[in-house]
Amino acid sequence: MGINHRLYFGDSAGSCLVRYDNDSGKGDHKHIGEKEMAYEFVGRDKLIDDFYHDVIRCLKNKEA
């Protein structure tokens, strides 16, 4: 089960802050800043929810 996906959130300078994708060969994973980690895809709604929460967390960290 799975869908091809790439969700991206970046800043005005063009830096990737949060990205979820499933490049061929790597499978499902996410990028938070410079870090890349595995991500378990269980469904579209969960994917969008997880991405949204990481974006909110990223924005809060930038404010601090």
C-alpha atoms as a PDB file:
ATOM      1  CA  MET A   1       0.000   0.000   0.000  1.00  0.00           C
ATOM      2  CA  GLY A   2       1.286   3.465  -0.757  1.00  0.00           C
ATOM      3  CA  ILE A   3       1.122   6.451  -3.001  1.00  0.00           C
ATOM      4  CA  ASN A   4       3.818   8.545  -4.589  1.00  0.00           C
ATOM      5  CA  HIS A   5       4.139  11.694  -2.554  1.00  0.00           C
ATOM      6  CA  ARG A   6       6.265  14.763  -1.896  1.00  0.00           C
ATOM      7  CA  LEU A   7       5.165  17.345   0.630  1.00  0.00           C
ATOM      8  CA  TYR A   8       7.461  20.351   0.953  1.00  0.00           C
ATOM      9  CA  PHE A   9       7.734  23.353   3.263  1.00  0.00           C
ATOM     10  CA  GLY A  10      10.561  25.830   2.813  1.00  0.00           C
ATOM     11  CA  ASP A  11      11.572  29.364   3.676  1.00  0.00           C
ATOM     12  CA  SER A  12      11.768  32.431   1.450  1.00  0.00           C
ATOM     13  CA  ALA A  13      15.483  31.798   0.838  1.00  0.00           C
ATOM     14  CA  GLY A  14      14.642  28.452  -0.783  1.00  0.00           C
ATOM     15  CA  SER A  15      15.835  26.239   2.082  1.00  0.00           C
ATOM     16  CA  CYS A  16      13.928  23.035   2.727  1.00  0.00           C
ATOM     17  CA  LEU A  17      12.632  23.018   6.299  1.00  0.00           C
ATOM     18  CA  VAL A  18      10.291  20.000   6.155  1.00  0.00           C
ATOM     19  CA  ARG A  19       9.846  17.478   3.346  1.00  0.00           C
ATOM     20  CA  TYR A  20       8.097  14.119   3.230  1.00  0.00           C
ATOM     21  CA  ASP A  21       8.649  11.940   0.167  1.00  0.00           C
ATOM     22  CA  ASN A  22       9.193   8.445  -1.116  1.00  0.00           C
ATOM     23  CA  ASP A  23      11.947   8.582  -3.709  1.00  0.00           C
ATOM     24  CA  SER A  24      12.436   5.300  -5.520  1.00  0.00           C
ATOM     25  CA  GLY A  25      15.150   3.282  -3.838  1.00  0.00           C
ATOM     26  CA  LYS A  26      14.766   5.067  -0.479  1.00  0.00           C
ATOM     27  CA  GLY A  27      11.130   4.410   0.294  1.00  0.00           C
ATOM     28  CA  ASP A  28       9.086   6.589   2.620  1.00  0.00           C
ATOM     29  CA  HIS A  29      11.136   9.100   4.603  1.00  0.00           C
ATOM     30  CA  LYS A  30      11.123  12.663   5.844  1.00  0.00           C
ATOM     31  CA  HIS A  31      13.572  15.539   6.082  1.00  0.00           C
ATOM     32  CA  ILE A  32      13.564  17.954   8.998  1.00  0.00           C
ATOM     33  CA  GLY A  33      16.157  20.593   8.238  1.00  0.00           C
ATOM     34  CA  GLU A  34      19.345  18.725   7.348  1.00  0.00           C
ATOM     35  CA  LYS A  35      18.248  15.457   9.008  1.00  0.00           C
ATOM     36  CA  GLU A  36      16.721  12.594   7.029  1.00  0.00           C
ATOM     37  CA  MET A  37      14.825   9.814   8.778  1.00  0.00           C
ATOM     38  CA  ALA A  38      12.583   6.891   7.911  1.00  0.00           C
ATOM     39  CA  TYR A  39       8.831   7.472   7.882  1.00  0.00           C
ATOM     40  CA  GLU A  40       6.177   4.774   8.083  1.00  0.00           C
ATOM     41  CA  PHE A  41       3.418   5.562   5.597  1.00  0.00           C
ATOM     42  CA  VAL A  42       0.072   4.253   6.863  1.00  0.00           C
ATOM     43  CA  GLY A  43      -2.324   6.418   4.851  1.00  0.00           C
ATOM     44  CA  ARG A  44      -2.901   9.756   3.170  1.00  0.00           C
ATOM     45  CA  ASP A  45      -4.672  11.438   6.076  1.00  0.00           C
ATOM     46  CA  LYS A  46      -1.971  10.440   8.581  1.00  0.00           C
ATOM     47  CA  LEU A  47       0.742  11.602   6.169  1.00  0.00           C
ATOM     48  CA  ILE A  48      -0.837  15.047   5.849  1.00  0.00           C
ATOM     49  CA  ASP A  49      -1.427  15.277   9.598  1.00  0.00           C
ATOM     50  CA  ASP A  50       2.183  14.303  10.430  1.00  0.00           C
ATOM     51  CA  PHE A  51       3.540  16.764   7.866  1.00  0.00           C
ATOM     52  CA  TYR A  52       1.356  19.565   9.227  1.00  0.00           C
ATOM     53  CA  HIS A  53       2.524  18.899  12.802  1.00  0.00           C
ATOM     54  CA  ASP A  54       6.186  18.956  11.759  1.00  0.00           C
ATOM     55  CA  VAL A  55       5.641  22.272   9.927  1.00  0.00           C
ATOM     56  CA  ILE A  56       3.988  23.788  13.032  1.00  0.00           C
ATOM     57  CA  ARG A  57       6.848  22.494  15.216  1.00  0.00           C
ATOM     58  CA  CYS A  58       9.369  23.992  12.797  1.00  0.00           C
ATOM     59  CA  LEU A  59       7.634  27.383  12.859  1.00  0.00           C
ATOM     60  CA  LYS A  60       7.506  27.383  16.664  1.00  0.00           C
ATOM     61  CA  ASN A  61      11.238  26.584  16.831  1.00  0.00           C
ATOM     62  CA  LYS A  62      12.014  29.498  14.509  1.00  0.00           C
ATOM     63  CA  GLU A  63      10.074  31.863  16.800  1.00  0.00           C
ATOM     64  CA  ALA A  64      11.983  30.752  19.921  1.00  0.00           C
END
